C-alpha atoms as a PDB file:
ATOM      1  CA  UNK A   1       0.000   0.000   0.000  1.00  0.00           C
ATOM      2  CA  UNK A   2       2.767   2.444   0.935  1.00  0.00           C
ATOM      3  CA  UNK A   3       4.683   1.437  -2.151  1.00  0.00           C
ATOM      4  CA  UNK A   4       1.693   2.147  -4.355  1.00  0.00           C
ATOM      5  CA  UNK A   5       1.196   5.626  -2.808  1.00  0.00           C
ATOM      6  CA  UNK A   6       4.860   6.400  -3.266  1.00  0.00           C
ATOM      7  CA  UNK A   7       4.719   5.405  -6.970  1.00  0.00           C
ATOM      8  CA  UNK A   8       1.539   7.408  -7.483  1.00  0.00           C
ATOM      9  CA  UNK A   9       3.049  10.492  -5.768  1.00  0.00           C
ATOM     10  CA  UNK A  10       6.228  10.190  -7.815  1.00  0.00           C
ATOM     11  CA  UNK A  11       4.224   9.858 -11.033  1.00  0.00           C
ATOM     12  CA  UNK A  12       2.145  12.911 -10.111  1.00  0.00           C
ATOM     13  CA  UNK A  13       5.313  14.911  -9.370  1.00  0.00           C
ATOM     14  CA  UNK A  14       6.881  13.978 -12.728  1.00  0.00           C
ATOM     15  CA  UNK A  15       3.649  14.847 -14.555  1.00  0.00           C
ATOM     16  CA  UNK A  16       3.451  18.255 -12.825  1.00  0.00           C
ATOM     17  CA  UNK A  17       7.086  18.967 -13.701  1.00  0.00           C
ATOM     18  CA  UNK A  18       6.437  18.123 -17.366  1.00  0.00           C
ATOM     19  CA  UNK A  19       3.394  20.409 -17.512  1.00  0.00           C
ATOM     20  CA  UNK A  20       5.291  23.300 -15.919  1.00  0.00           C
ATOM     21  CA  UNK A  21       8.252  22.808 -18.263  1.00  0.00           C
ATOM     22  CA  UNK A  22       5.990  22.590 -21.331  1.00  0.00           C
ATOM     23  CA  UNK A  23       4.001  25.770 -20.467  1.00  0.00           C
ATOM     24  CA  UNK A  24       7.136  27.753 -19.688  1.00  0.00           C
ATOM     25  CA  UNK A  25       8.845  26.921 -22.982  1.00  0.00           C
ATOM     26  CA  UNK A  26       6.036  27.104 -25.493  1.00  0.00           C
ATOM     27  CA  UNK A  27       5.646  30.202 -27.668  1.00  0.00           C
ATOM     28  CA  UNK A  28       2.862  32.627 -26.714  1.00  0.00           C
ATOM     29  CA  UNK A  29      -0.250  32.502 -28.827  1.00  0.00           C
ATOM     30  CA  UNK A  30      -1.029  35.466 -31.131  1.00  0.00           C
ATOM     31  CA  UNK A  31      -4.063  36.443 -29.035  1.00  0.00           C
ATOM     32  CA  UNK A  32      -1.844  36.882 -25.956  1.00  0.00           C
ATOM     33  CA  UNK A  33       0.633  39.002 -27.891  1.00  0.00           C
ATOM     34  CA  UNK A  34      -2.106  41.239 -29.302  1.00  0.00           C
ATOM     35  CA  UNK A  35      -3.579  41.762 -25.839  1.00  0.00           C
ATOM     36  CA  UNK A  36      -0.343  43.119 -24.384  1.00  0.00           C
ATOM     37  CA  UNK A  37      -0.912  46.374 -22.503  1.00  0.00           C
ATOM     38  CA  UNK A  38       0.341  49.588 -24.125  1.00  0.00           C
ATOM     39  CA  UNK A  39       2.882  50.020 -21.299  1.00  0.00           C
ATOM     40  CA  UNK A  40       4.709  46.927 -22.519  1.00  0.00           C
ATOM     41  CA  UNK A  41       5.812  48.736 -25.663  1.00  0.00           C
ATOM     42  CA  UNK A  42       9.451  49.523 -26.176  1.00  0.00           C
ATOM     43  CA  UNK A  43      10.645  52.791 -24.652  1.00  0.00           C
ATOM     44  CA  UNK A  44      11.581  55.482 -27.155  1.00  0.00           C
ATOM     45  CA  UNK A  45      13.528  58.372 -25.608  1.00  0.00           C
ATOM     46  CA  UNK A  46      12.165  61.860 -26.259  1.00  0.00           C
ATOM     47  CA  UNK A  47      13.959  63.980 -28.834  1.00  0.00           C
ATOM     48  CA  UNK A  48      16.821  66.090 -27.579  1.00  0.00           C
ATOM     49  CA  UNK A  49      15.908  69.656 -26.697  1.00  0.00           C
ATOM     50  CA  UNK A  50      18.068  72.427 -28.055  1.00  0.00           C
ATOM     51  CA  UNK A  51      20.094  73.952 -25.210  1.00  0.00           C
ATOM     52  CA  UNK A  52      19.189  77.471 -24.193  1.00  0.00           C
ATOM     53  CA  UNK A  53      21.781  80.180 -23.869  1.00  0.00           C
ATOM     54  CA  UNK A  54      23.744  79.205 -20.790  1.00  0.00           C
ATOM     55  CA  UNK A  55      26.780  80.721 -19.208  1.00  0.00           C
ATOM     56  CA  UNK A  56      29.601  78.193 -19.902  1.00  0.00           C
ATOM     57  CA  UNK A  57      30.671  78.343 -16.248  1.00  0.00           C
ATOM     58  CA  UNK A  58      27.166  77.398 -15.167  1.00  0.00           C
ATOM     59  CA  UNK A  59      26.892  74.651 -17.783  1.00  0.00           C
ATOM     60  CA  UNK A  60      30.168  73.101 -16.597  1.00  0.00           C
ATOM     61  CA  UNK A  61      28.826  72.439 -13.091  1.00  0.00           C
ATOM     62  CA  UNK A  62      25.413  70.907 -12.631  1.00  0.00           C
ATOM     63  CA  UNK A  63      23.764  69.814  -9.381  1.00  0.00           C
ATOM     64  CA  UNK A  64      24.739  66.214 -10.172  1.00  0.00           C
ATOM     65  CA  UNK A  65      28.442  67.028 -10.527  1.00  0.00           C
ATOM     66  CA  UNK A  66      28.325  69.405  -7.587  1.00  0.00           C
ATOM     67  CA  UNK A  67      27.885  66.513  -5.185  1.00  0.00           C
ATOM     68  CA  UNK A  68      31.447  65.418  -5.936  1.00  0.00           C
ATOM     69  CA  UNK A  69      34.126  66.380  -3.405  1.00  0.00           C
ATOM     70  CA  UNK A  70      35.460  69.899  -3.958  1.00  0.00           C
ATOM     71  CA  UNK A  71      38.657  70.264  -5.923  1.00  0.00           C
ATOM     72  CA  UNK A  72      41.892  70.898  -4.066  1.00  0.00           C
ATOM     73  CA  UNK A  73      42.606  74.013  -6.129  1.00  0.00           C
ATOM     74  CA  UNK A  74      40.976  76.990  -4.317  1.00  0.00           C
ATOM     75  CA  UNK A  75      40.310  78.779  -7.628  1.00  0.00           C
ATOM     76  CA  UNK A  76      38.265  75.830  -8.862  1.00  0.00           C
ATOM     77  CA  UNK A  77      36.403  75.727  -5.545  1.00  0.00           C
ATOM     78  CA  UNK A  78      35.565  79.444  -5.858  1.00  0.00           C
ATOM     79  CA  UNK A  79      34.347  78.904  -9.425  1.00  0.00           C
ATOM     80  CA  UNK A  80      32.137  76.049  -8.313  1.00  0.00           C
ATOM     81  CA  UNK A  81      30.848  78.135  -5.417  1.00  0.00           C
ATOM     82  CA  UNK A  82      29.953  81.042  -7.720  1.00  0.00           C
ATOM     83  CA  UNK A  83      28.307  78.701 -10.194  1.00  0.00           C
ATOM     84  CA  UNK A  84      26.218  76.870  -7.620  1.00  0.00           C
ATOM     85  CA  UNK A  85      25.219  80.135  -5.987  1.00  0.00           C
ATOM     86  CA  UNK A  86      24.127  81.400  -9.402  1.00  0.00           C
ATOM     87  CA  UNK A  87      21.970  78.314  -9.947  1.00  0.00           C
ATOM     88  CA  UNK A  88      20.335  78.694  -6.528  1.00  0.00           C
ATOM     89  CA  UNK A  89      19.616  82.413  -6.936  1.00  0.00           C
ATOM     90  CA  UNK A  90      18.305  82.096 -10.514  1.00  0.00           C
ATOM     91  CA  UNK A  91      14.529  82.233 -10.016  1.00  0.00           C
ATOM     92  CA  UNK A  92      13.948  81.141 -13.636  1.00  0.00           C
ATOM     93  CA  UNK A  93      15.392  77.688 -12.981  1.00  0.00           C
ATOM     94  CA  UNK A  94      13.116  74.818 -11.907  1.00  0.00           C
ATOM     95  CA  UNK A  95      12.496  74.568  -8.170  1.00  0.00           C
ATOM     96  CA  UNK A  96      13.738  70.956  -7.992  1.00  0.00           C
ATOM     97  CA  UNK A  97      17.057  71.883  -9.623  1.00  0.00           C
ATOM     98  CA  UNK A  98      17.526  74.768  -7.216  1.00  0.00           C
ATOM     99  CA  UNK A  99      16.657  72.504  -4.286  1.00  0.00           C
ATOM    100  CA  UNK A 100      19.157  69.822  -5.363  1.00  0.00           C
ATOM    101  CA  UNK A 101      21.808  72.503  -5.784  1.00  0.00           C
ATOM    102  CA  UNK A 102      21.213  73.901  -2.279  1.00  0.00           C
ATOM    103  CA  UNK A 103      21.666  70.428  -0.793  1.00  0.00           C
ATOM    104  CA  UNK A 104      24.766  69.790  -2.908  1.00  0.00           C
ATOM    105  CA  UNK A 105      26.326  73.135  -2.018  1.00  0.00           C
ATOM    106  CA  UNK A 106      25.817  72.615   1.709  1.00  0.00           C
ATOM    107  CA  UNK A 107      27.550  69.263   1.352  1.00  0.00           C
ATOM    108  CA  UNK A 108      30.643  70.391  -0.578  1.00  0.00           C
ATOM    109  CA  UNK A 109      31.307  73.914   0.684  1.00  0.00           C
ATOM    110  CA  UNK A 110      34.590  74.345   2.523  1.00  0.00           C
ATOM    111  CA  UNK A 111      34.862  75.664   6.070  1.00  0.00           C
ATOM    112  CA  UNK A 112      36.370  78.940   4.796  1.00  0.00           C
ATOM    113  CA  UNK A 113      33.341  79.602   2.590  1.00  0.00           C
ATOM    114  CA  UNK A 114      30.549  78.639   4.985  1.00  0.00           C
ATOM    115  CA  UNK A 115      29.484  82.285   5.299  1.00  0.00           C
ATOM    116  CA  UNK A 116      28.218  82.080   1.702  1.00  0.00           C
ATOM    117  CA  UNK A 117      25.395  79.905   3.040  1.00  0.00           C
ATOM    118  CA  UNK A 118      24.318  82.794   5.285  1.00  0.00           C
ATOM    119  CA  UNK A 119      24.276  85.101   2.263  1.00  0.00           C
ATOM    120  CA  UNK A 120      21.976  82.675   0.446  1.00  0.00           C
ATOM    121  CA  UNK A 121      19.456  82.696   3.305  1.00  0.00           C
ATOM    122  CA  UNK A 122      19.019  86.461   3.041  1.00  0.00           C
ATOM    123  CA  UNK A 123      18.740  86.536  -0.776  1.00  0.00           C
ATOM    124  CA  UNK A 124      15.369  87.741  -2.042  1.00  0.00           C
ATOM    125  CA  UNK A 125      15.077  84.945  -4.621  1.00  0.00           C
ATOM    126  CA  UNK A 126      15.335  82.245  -1.946  1.00  0.00           C
ATOM    127  CA  UNK A 127      11.997  80.562  -1.400  1.00  0.00           C
ATOM    128  CA  UNK A 128      10.774  79.116   1.870  1.00  0.00           C
ATOM    129  CA  UNK A 129      11.340  75.597   0.486  1.00  0.00           C
ATOM    130  CA  UNK A 130      14.979  76.431  -0.382  1.00  0.00           C
ATOM    131  CA  UNK A 131      15.564  77.826   3.106  1.00  0.00           C
ATOM    132  CA  UNK A 132      14.157  74.612   4.601  1.00  0.00           C
ATOM    133  CA  UNK A 133      16.426  72.570   2.315  1.00  0.00           C
ATOM    134  CA  UNK A 134      19.396  74.672   3.422  1.00  0.00           C
ATOM    135  CA  UNK A 135      18.619  74.080   7.106  1.00  0.00           C
ATOM    136  CA  UNK A 136      18.228  70.339   6.539  1.00  0.00           C
ATOM    137  CA  UNK A 137      21.392  70.104   4.438  1.00  0.00           C
ATOM    138  CA  UNK A 138      23.432  72.038   6.991  1.00  0.00           C
ATOM    139  CA  UNK A 139      22.728  69.569   9.799  1.00  0.00           C
ATOM    140  CA  UNK A 140      26.089  67.881   9.184  1.00  0.00           C
ATOM    141  CA  UNK A 141      27.954  71.212   9.466  1.00  0.00           C
ATOM    142  CA  UNK A 142      29.345  72.708  12.709  1.00  0.00           C
ATOM    143  CA  UNK A 143      26.750  73.572  15.373  1.00  0.00           C
ATOM    144  CA  UNK A 144      27.722  77.256  15.265  1.00  0.00           C
ATOM    145  CA  UNK A 145      26.928  77.426  11.541  1.00  0.00           C
ATOM    146  CA  UNK A 146      23.640  75.558  12.047  1.00  0.00           C
ATOM    147  CA  UNK A 147      22.639  78.138  14.653  1.00  0.00           C
ATOM    148  CA  UNK A 148      23.652  81.076  12.427  1.00  0.00           C
ATOM    149  CA  UNK A 149      21.655  79.691   9.500  1.00  0.00           C
ATOM    150  CA  UNK A 150      18.655  79.092  11.758  1.00  0.00           C
ATOM    151  CA  UNK A 151      18.890  82.669  13.094  1.00  0.00           C
ATOM    152  CA  UNK A 152      19.069  84.050   9.547  1.00  0.00           C
ATOM    153  CA  UNK A 153      16.062  81.961   8.507  1.00  0.00           C
ATOM    154  CA  UNK A 154      14.188  83.108  11.603  1.00  0.00           C
ATOM    155  CA  UNK A 155      14.814  86.704  10.522  1.00  0.00           C
ATOM    156  CA  UNK A 156      14.174  86.260   6.760  1.00  0.00           C
ATOM    157  CA  UNK A 157      12.121  83.107   6.198  1.00  0.00           C
ATOM    158  CA  UNK A 158       8.455  82.365   5.803  1.00  0.00           C
ATOM    159  CA  UNK A 159       6.302  80.656   8.434  1.00  0.00           C
ATOM    160  CA  UNK A 160       7.265  77.056   7.606  1.00  0.00           C
ATOM    161  CA  UNK A 161      10.987  77.819   7.510  1.00  0.00           C
ATOM    162  CA  UNK A 162      10.760  79.771  10.770  1.00  0.00           C
ATOM    163  CA  UNK A 163       9.128  76.805  12.513  1.00  0.00           C
ATOM    164  CA  UNK A 164      11.999  74.545  11.437  1.00  0.00           C
ATOM    165  CA  UNK A 165      14.550  77.219  12.453  1.00  0.00           C
ATOM    166  CA  UNK A 166      12.957  77.528  15.921  1.00  0.00           C
ATOM    167  CA  UNK A 167      12.970  73.739  16.300  1.00  0.00           C
ATOM    168  CA  UNK A 168      16.671  73.575  15.429  1.00  0.00           C
ATOM    169  CA  UNK A 169      17.531  76.455  17.760  1.00  0.00           C
ATOM    170  CA  UNK A 170      15.542  74.827  20.549  1.00  0.00           C
ATOM    171  CA  UNK A 171      17.478  71.575  20.096  1.00  0.00           C
ATOM    172  CA  UNK A 172      20.813  73.438  20.049  1.00  0.00           C
ATOM    173  CA  UNK A 173      20.201  75.689  23.070  1.00  0.00           C
ATOM    174  CA  UNK A 174      17.581  73.778  25.115  1.00  0.00           C
ATOM    175  CA  UNK A 175      15.521  76.985  25.283  1.00  0.00           C
ATOM    176  CA  UNK A 176      12.371  78.186  23.581  1.00  0.00           C
ATOM    177  CA  UNK A 177      11.996  81.876  22.773  1.00  0.00           C
ATOM    178  CA  UNK A 178       9.263  81.611  20.151  1.00  0.00           C
ATOM    179  CA  UNK A 179       9.570  84.353  17.507  1.00  0.00           C
ATOM    180  CA  UNK A 180      11.815  86.645  19.588  1.00  0.00           C
ATOM    181  CA  UNK A 181      14.911  86.954  17.391  1.00  0.00           C
ATOM    182  CA  UNK A 182      16.982  88.975  19.880  1.00  0.00           C
ATOM    183  CA  UNK A 183      16.335  86.407  22.625  1.00  0.00           C
ATOM    184  CA  UNK A 184      17.421  83.622  20.265  1.00  0.00           C
ATOM    185  CA  UNK A 185      20.588  85.544  19.367  1.00  0.00           C
ATOM    186  CA  UNK A 186      21.417  85.941  23.063  1.00  0.00           C
ATOM    187  CA  UNK A 187      20.709  82.248  23.710  1.00  0.00           C
ATOM    188  CA  UNK A 188      23.015  81.192  20.854  1.00  0.00           C
ATOM    189  CA  UNK A 189      25.751  83.533  22.088  1.00  0.00           C
ATOM    190  CA  UNK A 190      25.377  82.186  25.640  1.00  0.00           C
ATOM    191  CA  UNK A 191      25.514  78.561  24.532  1.00  0.00           C
ATOM    192  CA  UNK A 192      28.984  79.006  22.955  1.00  0.00           C
ATOM    193  CA  UNK A 193      28.410  76.582  20.124  1.00  0.00           C
ATOM    194  CA  UNK A 194      31.483  75.488  18.197  1.00  0.00           C
END
């Protein structure tokens, strides 16, 4: 009895394997091919768009290449800094490109040029979203610079950016002064952040 069940189970297993192998290797029928969804079509890239008039210095550095480590040559670093700052302050550029550039700049800027980030906060073409991106991207910078950026955003930013700036200042100083900028400045000075 056991032997018969074993043979029957083995025969069923071989039969199932043959059916699976046969269905996997047979060619699809024409009705299945015709019913393929339109998303299964081959991708055709869009035609290339003619480049607009771009400053060659700006074209040489894009947000994607800006995330690379800064060059050792200070002149190249200054050129990159000017170029990235130009991309961020250019209100005609797409918001996502400006946002990526803010994050890239905060990641590659040298310690000697960190004050350029404070200049960006006070620029009139900086949006609230860009100021928030700058605060978030500066979280890996020295605490003193984080506090200075947060103070500048508190003075210049919109409501959403000011909320984030207050939250950062509260975490840095363990105090809460609400919207009082002078009290925040005193708290930052008293905390002696490095």
